[in-house]
Amino acid sequence: MDDQLIINAANGNTEIVLSLLQNGVNINTTDQFGRTAVLAATYNNQVDTVRVLIEHGADINSRDNNLENVLLHAGASGYLEIVKLAIAAGADTKLTNRFGGVAIIPASERGHVEVVRELLNHSDIDVNHINHLHWTALLEAVILGNGGEKHQEIVQLLVDYGADLNIGDRDGITPLQHAKKLGFHEIESILKDAESERSCNA
Protein backbone atom coordinates (compact mmCIF):
# COMPACT_ATOMS: atom_id res chain seq x y z
CA MET A 1 0.00 0.00 0.00
CA ASP A 2 2.83 2.39 0.88
CA ASP A 3 4.56 1.69 -2.43
CA GLN A 4 1.25 2.16 -4.25
CA LEU A 5 0.90 5.64 -2.79
CA ILE A 6 4.33 6.68 -4.09
CA ILE A 7 3.90 5.01 -7.50
CA ASN A 8 0.48 6.60 -8.05
CA ALA A 9 1.74 10.00 -6.90
CA ALA A 10 4.62 9.76 -9.37
CA ASN A 11 2.12 8.97 -12.14
CA GLY A 12 -0.23 11.79 -11.18
CA ASN A 13 -3.11 9.47 -10.24
CA THR A 14 -4.54 11.93 -7.75
CA GLU A 15 -7.83 10.10 -7.15
CA ILE A 16 -6.04 6.87 -6.27
CA VAL A 17 -3.66 8.82 -4.02
CA LEU A 18 -6.63 10.32 -2.16
CA SER A 19 -8.26 6.90 -1.84
CA LEU A 20 -5.07 5.40 -0.38
CA LEU A 21 -4.78 8.26 2.11
CA GLN A 22 -8.40 7.71 3.16
CA ASN A 23 -7.52 4.05 3.76
CA GLY A 24 -4.87 5.09 6.26
CA VAL A 25 -1.64 4.96 4.24
CA ASN A 26 1.03 7.17 5.82
CA ILE A 27 1.36 10.26 3.60
CA ASN A 28 5.08 10.56 4.43
CA THR A 29 6.10 6.96 3.84
CA THR A 30 9.27 6.58 1.75
CA ASP A 31 10.48 4.19 -0.95
CA GLN A 32 13.96 2.67 -1.35
CA PHE A 33 15.20 5.99 -2.72
CA GLY A 34 13.98 7.85 0.34
CA ARG A 35 11.27 9.57 -1.70
CA THR A 36 7.90 10.48 -0.25
CA ALA A 37 4.78 10.63 -2.42
CA VAL A 38 4.95 14.41 -2.72
CA LEU A 39 8.58 14.22 -3.82
CA ALA A 40 7.86 11.44 -6.31
CA ALA A 41 5.11 13.62 -7.77
CA THR A 42 7.53 16.55 -7.90
CA TYR A 43 10.11 14.53 -9.85
CA ASN A 44 7.48 14.05 -12.59
CA ASN A 45 6.07 17.61 -12.38
CA GLN A 46 2.64 16.33 -11.32
CA VAL A 47 1.39 19.71 -10.13
CA ASP A 48 -2.15 18.71 -9.12
CA THR A 49 -0.95 15.70 -7.16
CA VAL A 50 1.66 17.80 -5.38
CA ARG A 51 -1.04 20.36 -4.51
CA VAL A 52 -3.38 17.72 -3.08
CA LEU A 53 -0.61 16.06 -1.04
CA ILE A 54 0.45 19.42 0.40
CA GLU A 55 -3.19 20.17 1.28
CA HIS A 56 -3.30 16.84 3.14
CA GLY A 57 -0.21 17.66 5.18
CA ALA A 58 2.68 16.09 3.26
CA ASP A 59 6.14 16.93 4.59
CA ILE A 60 7.61 19.05 1.80
CA ASN A 61 10.96 19.42 3.51
CA SER A 62 11.77 15.71 3.59
CA ARG A 63 14.90 14.97 1.53
CA ASP A 64 15.55 11.71 -0.32
CA ASN A 65 18.76 9.68 -0.48
CA ASN A 66 20.06 12.14 -3.09
CA LEU A 67 19.33 15.10 -0.78
CA GLU A 68 16.56 16.36 -3.06
CA ASN A 69 13.25 17.67 -1.72
CA VAL A 70 10.22 19.38 -3.27
CA LEU A 71 11.66 22.91 -3.44
CA LEU A 72 15.20 21.85 -4.32
CA HIS A 73 14.15 19.55 -7.15
CA ALA A 74 11.42 21.82 -8.52
CA GLY A 75 13.79 24.79 -8.43
CA ALA A 76 16.59 22.96 -10.23
CA SER A 77 14.15 21.56 -12.81
CA GLY A 78 12.35 24.82 -13.53
CA TYR A 79 8.99 23.54 -12.26
CA LEU A 80 7.61 26.98 -11.42
CA GLU A 81 4.13 25.92 -10.28
CA ILE A 82 5.56 23.44 -7.80
CA VAL A 83 8.07 26.03 -6.58
CA LYS A 84 5.11 28.35 -5.92
CA LEU A 85 3.24 25.60 -4.04
CA ALA A 86 6.30 24.79 -1.93
CA ILE A 87 6.92 28.42 -1.02
CA ALA A 88 3.25 28.96 -0.14
CA ALA A 89 3.42 25.88 2.09
CA GLY A 90 6.38 27.31 3.99
CA ALA A 91 9.21 25.24 2.52
CA ASP A 92 12.51 25.58 4.37
CA THR A 93 14.68 27.58 1.95
CA LYS A 94 17.82 26.86 3.99
CA LEU A 95 17.89 23.14 3.19
CA THR A 96 20.66 22.22 0.76
CA ASN A 97 21.19 19.71 -2.05
CA ARG A 98 24.11 17.27 -2.30
CA PHE A 99 26.33 20.10 -3.56
CA GLY A 100 25.54 22.20 -0.49
CA GLY A 101 23.44 24.64 -2.50
CA VAL A 102 20.03 26.16 -1.76
CA ALA A 103 17.33 26.14 -4.44
CA ILE A 104 18.30 29.40 -6.13
CA ILE A 105 21.79 28.17 -7.06
CA PRO A 106 20.89 25.39 -9.54
CA ALA A 107 17.95 27.48 -10.79
CA SER A 108 20.38 30.30 -11.62
CA GLU A 109 22.85 27.94 -13.26
CA ARG A 110 20.20 26.37 -15.48
CA GLY A 111 18.60 29.60 -16.64
CA HIS A 112 15.24 29.21 -14.89
CA VAL A 113 14.45 32.92 -14.85
CA GLU A 114 10.92 32.73 -13.44
CA VAL A 115 11.94 30.33 -10.68
CA VAL A 116 14.75 32.70 -9.65
CA ARG A 117 12.30 35.62 -9.72
CA GLU A 118 9.77 33.69 -7.62
CA LEU A 119 12.36 32.70 -5.02
CA LEU A 120 13.65 36.26 -4.74
CA ASN A 121 10.20 37.87 -4.65
CA HIS A 122 8.31 35.46 -2.43
CA SER A 123 10.72 33.59 -0.17
CA ASP A 124 13.48 34.28 2.32
CA ILE A 125 16.11 32.53 0.18
CA ASP A 126 19.69 33.66 0.86
CA VAL A 127 20.92 35.20 -2.39
CA ASN A 128 24.52 34.96 -1.14
CA HIS A 129 24.51 31.35 0.03
CA ILE A 130 27.83 29.63 -0.77
CA ASN A 131 27.81 25.93 -1.75
CA HIS A 132 30.50 23.23 -1.35
CA LEU A 133 32.30 24.49 -4.47
CA HIS A 134 32.43 27.96 -2.89
CA TRP A 135 30.04 29.25 -5.52
CA THR A 136 27.04 31.54 -5.05
CA ALA A 137 24.02 31.73 -7.37
CA LEU A 138 25.70 34.68 -9.10
CA LEU A 139 28.94 32.77 -9.66
CA GLU A 140 27.04 29.74 -11.01
CA ALA A 141 24.95 31.89 -13.34
CA VAL A 142 28.17 33.29 -14.81
CA ILE A 143 30.51 30.28 -14.73
CA LEU A 144 28.04 27.55 -15.73
CA GLY A 145 25.64 29.66 -17.76
CA ASN A 146 26.00 30.39 -21.47
CA GLY A 147 26.04 34.18 -21.25
CA GLY A 148 22.74 34.37 -23.15
CA GLU A 149 19.57 36.35 -22.46
CA LYS A 150 18.24 34.08 -19.70
CA HIS A 151 21.47 34.16 -17.75
CA GLN A 152 21.77 37.91 -18.31
CA GLU A 153 18.29 38.35 -16.84
CA ILE A 154 19.15 36.14 -13.89
CA VAL A 155 22.37 38.04 -13.19
CA GLN A 156 20.36 41.28 -13.26
CA LEU A 157 17.76 39.83 -10.86
CA LEU A 158 20.42 38.57 -8.44
CA VAL A 159 22.19 41.94 -8.51
CA ASP A 160 18.90 43.80 -7.98
CA TYR A 161 18.23 41.65 -4.92
CA GLY A 162 21.57 42.39 -3.33
CA ALA A 163 23.89 39.65 -4.56
CA ASP A 164 27.40 40.33 -3.24
CA LEU A 165 29.59 41.18 -6.23
CA ASN A 166 32.77 40.58 -4.26
CA ILE A 167 32.25 36.96 -3.22
CA GLY A 168 34.73 35.07 -5.36
CA ASP A 169 35.28 31.37 -5.98
CA ARG A 170 37.85 29.35 -4.02
CA ASP A 171 40.60 31.21 -5.86
CA GLY A 172 39.04 34.59 -5.13
CA ILE A 173 37.99 35.15 -8.75
CA THR A 174 34.87 37.35 -8.75
CA PRO A 175 31.80 37.04 -10.98
CA LEU A 176 32.98 40.08 -12.99
CA GLN A 177 36.41 38.54 -13.58
CA HIS A 178 34.78 35.27 -14.70
CA ALA A 179 32.45 37.16 -17.07
CA LYS A 180 35.42 38.97 -18.62
CA LYS A 181 37.39 35.75 -19.01
CA LEU A 182 34.43 33.98 -20.64
CA GLY A 183 33.72 36.85 -23.00
CA PHE A 184 30.20 37.41 -21.65
CA HIS A 185 30.15 41.13 -22.48
CA GLU A 186 26.50 41.77 -21.57
CA ILE A 187 26.93 40.16 -18.13
CA GLU A 188 30.21 42.02 -17.67
CA SER A 189 28.33 45.25 -18.38
CA ILE A 190 25.55 44.42 -15.87
CA LEU A 191 28.11 43.70 -13.16
CA LYS A 192 30.17 46.82 -13.91
CA ASP A 193 27.03 48.99 -13.79
CA ALA A 194 26.07 47.42 -10.47
CA GLU A 195 29.54 48.03 -9.06
CA SER A 196 29.55 51.68 -10.07
CA GLU A 197 26.00 52.23 -8.78
CA ARG A 198 26.87 50.70 -5.44
CA SER A 199 30.06 52.71 -5.09
CA CYS A 200 28.06 55.89 -5.81
CA ASN A 201 25.54 54.94 -3.11
CA ALA A 202 28.20 53.98 -0.57
C-alpha atoms as a PDB file:
ATOM      1  CA  MET A   1       0.000   0.000   0.000  1.00  0.00           C
ATOM      2  CA  ASP A   2       2.826   2.389   0.884  1.00  0.00           C
ATOM      3  CA  ASP A   3       4.560   1.693  -2.430  1.00  0.00           C
ATOM      4  CA  GLN A   4       1.255   2.160  -4.251  1.00  0.00           C
ATOM      5  CA  LEU A   5       0.899   5.643  -2.791  1.00  0.00           C
ATOM      6  CA  ILE A   6       4.328   6.676  -4.091  1.00  0.00           C
ATOM      7  CA  ILE A   7       3.896   5.015  -7.501  1.00  0.00           C
ATOM      8  CA  ASN A   8       0.485   6.599  -8.051  1.00  0.00           C
ATOM      9  CA  ALA A   9       1.737   9.999  -6.898  1.00  0.00           C
ATOM     10  CA  ALA A  10       4.622   9.758  -9.373  1.00  0.00           C
ATOM     11  CA  ASN A  11       2.115   8.967 -12.139  1.00  0.00           C
ATOM     12  CA  GLY A  12      -0.233  11.794 -11.184  1.00  0.00           C
ATOM     13  CA  ASN A  13      -3.106   9.466 -10.239  1.00  0.00           C
ATOM     14  CA  THR A  14      -4.537  11.933  -7.745  1.00  0.00           C
ATOM     15  CA  GLU A  15      -7.832  10.100  -7.146  1.00  0.00           C
ATOM     16  CA  ILE A  16      -6.045   6.875  -6.266  1.00  0.00           C
ATOM     17  CA  VAL A  17      -3.656   8.822  -4.022  1.00  0.00           C
ATOM     18  CA  LEU A  18      -6.635  10.318  -2.161  1.00  0.00           C
ATOM     19  CA  SER A  19      -8.258   6.899  -1.841  1.00  0.00           C
ATOM     20  CA  LEU A  20      -5.065   5.395  -0.379  1.00  0.00           C
ATOM     21  CA  LEU A  21      -4.784   8.260   2.108  1.00  0.00           C
ATOM     22  CA  GLN A  22      -8.397   7.709   3.159  1.00  0.00           C
ATOM     23  CA  ASN A  23      -7.517   4.050   3.756  1.00  0.00           C
ATOM     24  CA  GLY A  24      -4.871   5.086   6.262  1.00  0.00           C
ATOM     25  CA  VAL A  25      -1.643   4.961   4.244  1.00  0.00           C
ATOM     26  CA  ASN A  26       1.028   7.171   5.822  1.00  0.00           C
ATOM     27  CA  ILE A  27       1.364  10.256   3.602  1.00  0.00           C
ATOM     28  CA  ASN A  28       5.080  10.565   4.433  1.00  0.00           C
ATOM     29  CA  THR A  29       6.098   6.956   3.844  1.00  0.00           C
ATOM     30  CA  THR A  30       9.272   6.584   1.747  1.00  0.00           C
ATOM     31  CA  ASP A  31      10.482   4.191  -0.948  1.00  0.00           C
ATOM     32  CA  GLN A  32      13.961   2.667  -1.350  1.00  0.00           C
ATOM     33  CA  PHE A  33      15.203   5.988  -2.723  1.00  0.00           C
ATOM     34  CA  GLY A  34      13.981   7.849   0.343  1.00  0.00           C
ATOM     35  CA  ARG A  35      11.273   9.572  -1.698  1.00  0.00           C
ATOM     36  CA  THR A  36       7.897  10.479  -0.247  1.00  0.00           C
ATOM     37  CA  ALA A  37       4.783  10.632  -2.416  1.00  0.00           C
ATOM     38  CA  VAL A  38       4.952  14.410  -2.719  1.00  0.00           C
ATOM     39  CA  LEU A  39       8.582  14.220  -3.818  1.00  0.00           C
ATOM     40  CA  ALA A  40       7.858  11.435  -6.309  1.00  0.00           C
ATOM     41  CA  ALA A  41       5.105  13.620  -7.772  1.00  0.00           C
ATOM     42  CA  THR A  42       7.531  16.549  -7.896  1.00  0.00           C
ATOM     43  CA  TYR A  43      10.106  14.533  -9.854  1.00  0.00           C
ATOM     44  CA  ASN A  44       7.483  14.049 -12.587  1.00  0.00           C
ATOM     45  CA  ASN A  45       6.070  17.607 -12.378  1.00  0.00           C
ATOM     46  CA  GLN A  46       2.641  16.326 -11.318  1.00  0.00           C
ATOM     47  CA  VAL A  47       1.393  19.707 -10.130  1.00  0.00           C
ATOM     48  CA  ASP A  48      -2.153  18.712  -9.122  1.00  0.00           C
ATOM     49  CA  THR A  49      -0.946  15.698  -7.157  1.00  0.00           C
ATOM     50  CA  VAL A  50       1.663  17.797  -5.377  1.00  0.00           C
ATOM     51  CA  ARG A  51      -1.040  20.355  -4.510  1.00  0.00           C
ATOM     52  CA  VAL A  52      -3.380  17.720  -3.075  1.00  0.00           C
ATOM     53  CA  LEU A  53      -0.609  16.059  -1.044  1.00  0.00           C
ATOM     54  CA  ILE A  54       0.445  19.419   0.402  1.00  0.00           C
ATOM     55  CA  GLU A  55      -3.192  20.170   1.277  1.00  0.00           C
ATOM     56  CA  HIS A  56      -3.297  16.842   3.137  1.00  0.00           C
ATOM     57  CA  GLY A  57      -0.208  17.659   5.179  1.00  0.00           C
ATOM     58  CA  ALA A  58       2.677  16.085   3.259  1.00  0.00           C
ATOM     59  CA  ASP A  59       6.142  16.928   4.592  1.00  0.00           C
ATOM     60  CA  ILE A  60       7.607  19.053   1.797  1.00  0.00           C
ATOM     61  CA  ASN A  61      10.965  19.423   3.515  1.00  0.00           C
ATOM     62  CA  SER A  62      11.771  15.705   3.587  1.00  0.00           C
ATOM     63  CA  ARG A  63      14.903  14.967   1.532  1.00  0.00           C
ATOM     64  CA  ASP A  64      15.546  11.707  -0.318  1.00  0.00           C
ATOM     65  CA  ASN A  65      18.763   9.676  -0.480  1.00  0.00           C
ATOM     66  CA  ASN A  66      20.056  12.136  -3.086  1.00  0.00           C
ATOM     67  CA  LEU A  67      19.327  15.104  -0.776  1.00  0.00           C
ATOM     68  CA  GLU A  68      16.557  16.361  -3.056  1.00  0.00           C
ATOM     69  CA  ASN A  69      13.250  17.669  -1.724  1.00  0.00           C
ATOM     70  CA  VAL A  70      10.222  19.377  -3.268  1.00  0.00           C
ATOM     71  CA  LEU A  71      11.656  22.911  -3.438  1.00  0.00           C
ATOM     72  CA  LEU A  72      15.200  21.846  -4.316  1.00  0.00           C
ATOM     73  CA  HIS A  73      14.150  19.552  -7.148  1.00  0.00           C
ATOM     74  CA  ALA A  74      11.419  21.818  -8.517  1.00  0.00           C
ATOM     75  CA  GLY A  75      13.787  24.795  -8.435  1.00  0.00           C
ATOM     76  CA  ALA A  76      16.590  22.955 -10.226  1.00  0.00           C
ATOM     77  CA  SER A  77      14.155  21.559 -12.809  1.00  0.00           C
ATOM     78  CA  GLY A  78      12.353  24.822 -13.526  1.00  0.00           C
ATOM     79  CA  TYR A  79       8.991  23.537 -12.260  1.00  0.00           C
ATOM     80  CA  LEU A  80       7.609  26.979 -11.418  1.00  0.00           C
ATOM     81  CA  GLU A  81       4.135  25.920 -10.285  1.00  0.00           C
ATOM     82  CA  ILE A  82       5.562  23.436  -7.796  1.00  0.00           C
ATOM     83  CA  VAL A  83       8.070  26.027  -6.581  1.00  0.00           C
ATOM     84  CA  LYS A  84       5.111  28.354  -5.917  1.00  0.00           C
ATOM     85  CA  LEU A  85       3.240  25.603  -4.039  1.00  0.00           C
ATOM     86  CA  ALA A  86       6.301  24.787  -1.934  1.00  0.00           C
ATOM     87  CA  ILE A  87       6.925  28.424  -1.020  1.00  0.00           C
ATOM     88  CA  ALA A  88       3.254  28.957  -0.141  1.00  0.00           C
ATOM     89  CA  ALA A  89       3.423  25.877   2.091  1.00  0.00           C
ATOM     90  CA  GLY A  90       6.380  27.310   3.993  1.00  0.00           C
ATOM     91  CA  ALA A  91       9.214  25.241   2.515  1.00  0.00           C
ATOM     92  CA  ASP A  92      12.509  25.584   4.370  1.00  0.00           C
ATOM     93  CA  THR A  93      14.685  27.578   1.950  1.00  0.00           C
ATOM     94  CA  LYS A  94      17.819  26.855   3.994  1.00  0.00           C
ATOM     95  CA  LEU A  95      17.890  23.139   3.185  1.00  0.00           C
ATOM     96  CA  THR A  96      20.659  22.221   0.764  1.00  0.00           C
ATOM     97  CA  ASN A  97      21.195  19.708  -2.046  1.00  0.00           C
ATOM     98  CA  ARG A  98      24.112  17.273  -2.304  1.00  0.00           C
ATOM     99  CA  PHE A  99      26.328  20.100  -3.555  1.00  0.00           C
ATOM    100  CA  GLY A 100      25.538  22.199  -0.489  1.00  0.00           C
ATOM    101  CA  GLY A 101      23.442  24.635  -2.496  1.00  0.00           C
ATOM    102  CA  VAL A 102      20.033  26.162  -1.759  1.00  0.00           C
ATOM    103  CA  ALA A 103      17.328  26.138  -4.440  1.00  0.00           C
ATOM    104  CA  ILE A 104      18.305  29.401  -6.130  1.00  0.00           C
ATOM    105  CA  ILE A 105      21.792  28.167  -7.058  1.00  0.00           C
ATOM    106  CA  PRO A 106      20.887  25.389  -9.542  1.00  0.00           C
ATOM    107  CA  ALA A 107      17.947  27.477 -10.789  1.00  0.00           C
ATOM    108  CA  SER A 108      20.383  30.304 -11.616  1.00  0.00           C
ATOM    109  CA  GLU A 109      22.847  27.944 -13.257  1.00  0.00           C
ATOM    110  CA  ARG A 110      20.204  26.368 -15.478  1.00  0.00           C
ATOM    111  CA  GLY A 111      18.601  29.596 -16.641  1.00  0.00           C
ATOM    112  CA  HIS A 112      15.243  29.211 -14.892  1.00  0.00           C
ATOM    113  CA  VAL A 113      14.449  32.924 -14.853  1.00  0.00           C
ATOM    114  CA  GLU A 114      10.918  32.727 -13.444  1.00  0.00           C
ATOM    115  CA  VAL A 115      11.944  30.327 -10.678  1.00  0.00           C
ATOM    116  CA  VAL A 116      14.748  32.695  -9.646  1.00  0.00           C
ATOM    117  CA  ARG A 117      12.304  35.620  -9.720  1.00  0.00           C
ATOM    118  CA  GLU A 118       9.767  33.689  -7.621  1.00  0.00           C
ATOM    119  CA  LEU A 119      12.361  32.701  -5.015  1.00  0.00           C
ATOM    120  CA  LEU A 120      13.652  36.264  -4.736  1.00  0.00           C
ATOM    121  CA  ASN A 121      10.201  37.872  -4.651  1.00  0.00           C
ATOM    122  CA  HIS A 122       8.310  35.461  -2.432  1.00  0.00           C
ATOM    123  CA  SER A 123      10.721  33.593  -0.170  1.00  0.00           C
ATOM    124  CA  ASP A 124      13.482  34.282   2.324  1.00  0.00           C
ATOM    125  CA  ILE A 125      16.107  32.533   0.181  1.00  0.00           C
ATOM    126  CA  ASP A 126      19.689  33.656   0.859  1.00  0.00           C
ATOM    127  CA  VAL A 127      20.920  35.204  -2.392  1.00  0.00           C
ATOM    128  CA  ASN A 128      24.520  34.964  -1.138  1.00  0.00           C
ATOM    129  CA  HIS A 129      24.513  31.346   0.033  1.00  0.00           C
ATOM    130  CA  ILE A 130      27.827  29.625  -0.774  1.00  0.00           C
ATOM    131  CA  ASN A 131      27.813  25.930  -1.751  1.00  0.00           C
ATOM    132  CA  HIS A 132      30.496  23.233  -1.346  1.00  0.00           C
ATOM    133  CA  LEU A 133      32.295  24.489  -4.473  1.00  0.00           C
ATOM    134  CA  HIS A 134      32.433  27.963  -2.891  1.00  0.00           C
ATOM    135  CA  TRP A 135      30.041  29.253  -5.523  1.00  0.00           C
ATOM    136  CA  THR A 136      27.037  31.544  -5.049  1.00  0.00           C
ATOM    137  CA  ALA A 137      24.017  31.735  -7.368  1.00  0.00           C
ATOM    138  CA  LEU A 138      25.700  34.683  -9.097  1.00  0.00           C
ATOM    139  CA  LEU A 139      28.937  32.774  -9.658  1.00  0.00           C
ATOM    140  CA  GLU A 140      27.041  29.741 -11.006  1.00  0.00           C
ATOM    141  CA  ALA A 141      24.946  31.895 -13.342  1.00  0.00           C
ATOM    142  CA  VAL A 142      28.170  33.292 -14.806  1.00  0.00           C
ATOM    143  CA  ILE A 143      30.511  30.281 -14.731  1.00  0.00           C
ATOM    144  CA  LEU A 144      28.038  27.548 -15.726  1.00  0.00           C
ATOM    145  CA  GLY A 145      25.637  29.660 -17.759  1.00  0.00           C
ATOM    146  CA  ASN A 146      25.999  30.393 -21.468  1.00  0.00           C
ATOM    147  CA  GLY A 147      26.036  34.180 -21.248  1.00  0.00           C
ATOM    148  CA  GLY A 148      22.737  34.369 -23.145  1.00  0.00           C
ATOM    149  CA  GLU A 149      19.572  36.348 -22.456  1.00  0.00           C
ATOM    150  CA  LYS A 150      18.245  34.079 -19.700  1.00  0.00           C
ATOM    151  CA  HIS A 151      21.473  34.164 -17.747  1.00  0.00           C
ATOM    152  CA  GLN A 152      21.773  37.909 -18.312  1.00  0.00           C
ATOM    153  CA  GLU A 153      18.291  38.351 -16.838  1.00  0.00           C
ATOM    154  CA  ILE A 154      19.152  36.136 -13.887  1.00  0.00           C
ATOM    155  CA  VAL A 155      22.373  38.044 -13.186  1.00  0.00           C
ATOM    156  CA  GLN A 156      20.364  41.280 -13.255  1.00  0.00           C
ATOM    157  CA  LEU A 157      17.764  39.832 -10.857  1.00  0.00           C
ATOM    158  CA  LEU A 158      20.416  38.574  -8.443  1.00  0.00           C
ATOM    159  CA  VAL A 159      22.194  41.936  -8.511  1.00  0.00           C
ATOM    160  CA  ASP A 160      18.901  43.805  -7.980  1.00  0.00           C
ATOM    161  CA  TYR A 161      18.229  41.651  -4.920  1.00  0.00           C
ATOM    162  CA  GLY A 162      21.568  42.386  -3.328  1.00  0.00           C
ATOM    163  CA  ALA A 163      23.889  39.647  -4.561  1.00  0.00           C
ATOM    164  CA  ASP A 164      27.395  40.334  -3.245  1.00  0.00           C
ATOM    165  CA  LEU A 165      29.594  41.183  -6.235  1.00  0.00           C
ATOM    166  CA  ASN A 166      32.772  40.585  -4.257  1.00  0.00           C
ATOM    167  CA  ILE A 167      32.250  36.959  -3.220  1.00  0.00           C
ATOM    168  CA  GLY A 168      34.729  35.069  -5.364  1.00  0.00           C
ATOM    169  CA  ASP A 169      35.279  31.374  -5.979  1.00  0.00           C
ATOM    170  CA  ARG A 170      37.851  29.352  -4.023  1.00  0.00           C
ATOM    171  CA  ASP A 171      40.599  31.212  -5.857  1.00  0.00           C
ATOM    172  CA  GLY A 172      39.042  34.591  -5.126  1.00  0.00           C
ATOM    173  CA  ILE A 173      37.987  35.149  -8.746  1.00  0.00           C
ATOM    174  CA  THR A 174      34.875  37.353  -8.748  1.00  0.00           C
ATOM    175  CA  PRO A 175      31.796  37.043 -10.982  1.00  0.00           C
ATOM    176  CA  LEU A 176      32.975  40.078 -12.988  1.00  0.00           C
ATOM    177  CA  GLN A 177      36.406  38.537 -13.576  1.00  0.00           C
ATOM    178  CA  HIS A 178      34.782  35.272 -14.699  1.00  0.00           C
ATOM    179  CA  ALA A 179      32.447  37.161 -17.066  1.00  0.00           C
ATOM    180  CA  LYS A 180      35.423  38.965 -18.617  1.00  0.00           C
ATOM    181  CA  LYS A 181      37.389  35.751 -19.010  1.00  0.00           C
ATOM    182  CA  LEU A 182      34.432  33.979 -20.636  1.00  0.00           C
ATOM    183  CA  GLY A 183      33.715  36.851 -22.997  1.00  0.00           C
ATOM    184  CA  PHE A 184      30.200  37.413 -21.652  1.00  0.00           C
ATOM    185  CA  HIS A 185      30.150  41.125 -22.476  1.00  0.00           C
ATOM    186  CA  GLU A 186      26.503  41.766 -21.570  1.00  0.00           C
ATOM    187  CA  ILE A 187      26.930  40.160 -18.131  1.00  0.00           C
ATOM    188  CA  GLU A 188      30.206  42.016 -17.667  1.00  0.00           C
ATOM    189  CA  SER A 189      28.334  45.248 -18.379  1.00  0.00           C
ATOM    190  CA  ILE A 190      25.546  44.416 -15.869  1.00  0.00           C
ATOM    191  CA  LEU A 191      28.114  43.698 -13.157  1.00  0.00           C
ATOM    192  CA  LYS A 192      30.170  46.816 -13.909  1.00  0.00           C
ATOM    193  CA  ASP A 193      27.033  48.985 -13.792  1.00  0.00           C
ATOM    194  CA  ALA A 194      26.068  47.417 -10.465  1.00  0.00           C
ATOM    195  CA  GLU A 195      29.540  48.028  -9.057  1.00  0.00           C
ATOM    196  CA  SER A 196      29.554  51.683 -10.073  1.00  0.00           C
ATOM    197  CA  GLU A 197      25.996  52.226  -8.784  1.00  0.00           C
ATOM    198  CA  ARG A 198      26.872  50.698  -5.435  1.00  0.00           C
ATOM    199  CA  SER A 199      30.062  52.709  -5.089  1.00  0.00           C
ATOM    200  CA  CYS A 200      28.062  55.894  -5.812  1.00  0.00           C
ATOM    201  CA  ASN A 201      25.543  54.935  -3.109  1.00  0.00           C
ATOM    202  CA  ALA A 202      28.196  53.982  -0.568  1.00  0.00           C
END
